[in-house]
Amino acid sequence: MAMEAGEIERMIKAAIPDAAVEIRDLAGDGDHYAATVTSAAFKGLPRVRQHQMVYDALGGRMGGVLHALALTTVVGE
């Protein structure tokens, strides 16, 4: 069962309300996505912690329902 890009975006925004989220389906199969997440909440955090915030927002779906997510985080204003 695949996840839709809109569902991924909603989950991230629910956990990081100021986030600007851009999702791209890399393979057209609903399993391999690239996401760019921009948020002021990332300010002062190491990149690994920024990524953990996004993975936490996805509630354990990484590696299961969501097979692969190429993640880029950006510190917003």
C-alpha atoms as a PDB file:
ATOM      1  CA  MET A   1       0.000   0.000   0.000  1.00  0.00           C
ATOM      2  CA  ALA A   2       1.492   3.320  -1.102  1.00  0.00           C
ATOM      3  CA  MET A   3       1.202   6.759   0.459  1.00  0.00           C
ATOM      4  CA  GLU A   4       0.002   9.759  -1.495  1.00  0.00           C
ATOM      5  CA  ALA A   5       2.113  12.917  -1.651  1.00  0.00           C
ATOM      6  CA  GLY A   6      -0.756  14.945  -0.160  1.00  0.00           C
ATOM      7  CA  GLU A   7      -0.892  12.670   2.881  1.00  0.00           C
ATOM      8  CA  ILE A   8       2.855  13.061   3.468  1.00  0.00           C
ATOM      9  CA  GLU A   9       2.520  16.846   3.204  1.00  0.00           C
ATOM     10  CA  ARG A  10      -0.441  16.940   5.628  1.00  0.00           C
ATOM     11  CA  MET A  11       1.404  14.843   8.217  1.00  0.00           C
ATOM     12  CA  ILE A  12       4.513  17.040   8.075  1.00  0.00           C
ATOM     13  CA  LYS A  13       2.473  20.253   8.328  1.00  0.00           C
ATOM     14  CA  ALA A  14       0.487  18.860  11.265  1.00  0.00           C
ATOM     15  CA  ALA A  15       3.731  18.347  13.200  1.00  0.00           C
ATOM     16  CA  ILE A  16       5.608  21.406  11.878  1.00  0.00           C
ATOM     17  CA  PRO A  17       2.865  23.996  11.251  1.00  0.00           C
ATOM     18  CA  ASP A  18       5.048  26.648   9.582  1.00  0.00           C
ATOM     19  CA  ALA A  19       6.621  24.148   7.177  1.00  0.00           C
ATOM     20  CA  ALA A  20       6.649  24.722   3.439  1.00  0.00           C
ATOM     21  CA  VAL A  21       6.618  21.236   1.934  1.00  0.00           C
ATOM     22  CA  GLU A  22       7.416  20.221  -1.640  1.00  0.00           C
ATOM     23  CA  ILE A  23       6.944  16.543  -2.521  1.00  0.00           C
ATOM     24  CA  ARG A  24       8.013  14.843  -5.758  1.00  0.00           C
ATOM     25  CA  ASP A  25       7.150  11.254  -6.694  1.00  0.00           C
ATOM     26  CA  LEU A  26      10.478   9.968  -8.002  1.00  0.00           C
ATOM     27  CA  ALA A  27       9.375   6.673  -9.565  1.00  0.00           C
ATOM     28  CA  GLY A  28       5.664   7.180 -10.169  1.00  0.00           C
ATOM     29  CA  ASP A  29       4.916   4.252  -7.864  1.00  0.00           C
ATOM     30  CA  GLY A  30       3.823   6.095  -4.711  1.00  0.00           C
ATOM     31  CA  ASP A  31       6.709   4.515  -2.797  1.00  0.00           C
ATOM     32  CA  HIS A  32       9.724   6.675  -3.663  1.00  0.00           C
ATOM     33  CA  TYR A  33       9.478  10.381  -2.919  1.00  0.00           C
ATOM     34  CA  ALA A  34      11.751  13.367  -2.587  1.00  0.00           C
ATOM     35  CA  ALA A  35      10.705  16.034  -0.101  1.00  0.00           C
ATOM     36  CA  THR A  36      12.013  19.504   0.614  1.00  0.00           C
ATOM     37  CA  VAL A  37      10.829  20.865   3.943  1.00  0.00           C
ATOM     38  CA  THR A  38      11.502  24.484   4.898  1.00  0.00           C
ATOM     39  CA  SER A  39      10.786  25.633   8.453  1.00  0.00           C
ATOM     40  CA  ALA A  40      11.991  28.211  10.965  1.00  0.00           C
ATOM     41  CA  ALA A  41      11.707  25.394  13.538  1.00  0.00           C
ATOM     42  CA  PHE A  42      14.956  23.968  12.108  1.00  0.00           C
ATOM     43  CA  LYS A  43      16.967  27.045  13.128  1.00  0.00           C
ATOM     44  CA  GLY A  44      19.993  26.137  15.247  1.00  0.00           C
ATOM     45  CA  LEU A  45      19.432  22.392  14.876  1.00  0.00           C
ATOM     46  CA  PRO A  46      21.901  20.029  13.231  1.00  0.00           C
ATOM     47  CA  ARG A  47      20.655  18.534   9.973  1.00  0.00           C
ATOM     48  CA  VAL A  48      20.241  15.082  11.540  1.00  0.00           C
ATOM     49  CA  ARG A  49      17.831  16.525  14.123  1.00  0.00           C
ATOM     50  CA  GLN A  50      15.948  18.395  11.376  1.00  0.00           C
ATOM     51  CA  HIS A  51      15.482  15.104   9.529  1.00  0.00           C
ATOM     52  CA  GLN A  52      14.394  13.361  12.742  1.00  0.00           C
ATOM     53  CA  MET A  53      11.659  15.973  13.181  1.00  0.00           C
ATOM     54  CA  VAL A  54      10.311  15.179   9.721  1.00  0.00           C
ATOM     55  CA  TYR A  55      10.566  11.402  10.212  1.00  0.00           C
ATOM     56  CA  ASP A  56       8.811  11.753  13.589  1.00  0.00           C
ATOM     57  CA  ALA A  57       6.020  13.668  11.838  1.00  0.00           C
ATOM     58  CA  LEU A  58       5.513  10.657   9.560  1.00  0.00           C
ATOM     59  CA  GLY A  59       4.699   8.497  12.565  1.00  0.00           C
ATOM     60  CA  GLY A  60       6.854   5.476  11.854  1.00  0.00           C
ATOM     61  CA  ARG A  61       5.732   5.034   8.246  1.00  0.00           C
ATOM     62  CA  MET A  62       9.286   5.290   6.888  1.00  0.00           C
ATOM     63  CA  GLY A  63      10.487   1.911   5.673  1.00  0.00           C
ATOM     64  CA  GLY A  64       6.958   0.527   5.819  1.00  0.00           C
ATOM     65  CA  VAL A  65       4.088   2.201   3.969  1.00  0.00           C
ATOM     66  CA  LEU A  66       6.532   4.854   2.773  1.00  0.00           C
ATOM     67  CA  HIS A  67       9.437   2.930   1.277  1.00  0.00           C
ATOM     68  CA  ALA A  68      11.881   5.718   0.455  1.00  0.00           C
ATOM     69  CA  LEU A  69      12.032   9.454   1.091  1.00  0.00           C
ATOM     70  CA  ALA A  70      14.949  11.547  -0.168  1.00  0.00           C
ATOM     71  CA  LEU A  71      14.758  14.372   2.349  1.00  0.00           C
ATOM     72  CA  THR A  72      16.146  17.908   2.143  1.00  0.00           C
ATOM     73  CA  THR A  73      15.579  20.323   5.029  1.00  0.00           C
ATOM     74  CA  VAL A  74      16.017  24.086   4.811  1.00  0.00           C
ATOM     75  CA  VAL A  75      15.997  26.625   7.643  1.00  0.00           C
ATOM     76  CA  GLY A  76      13.223  29.110   6.932  1.00  0.00           C
ATOM     77  CA  GLU A  77      12.825  32.698   8.002  1.00  0.00           C
END
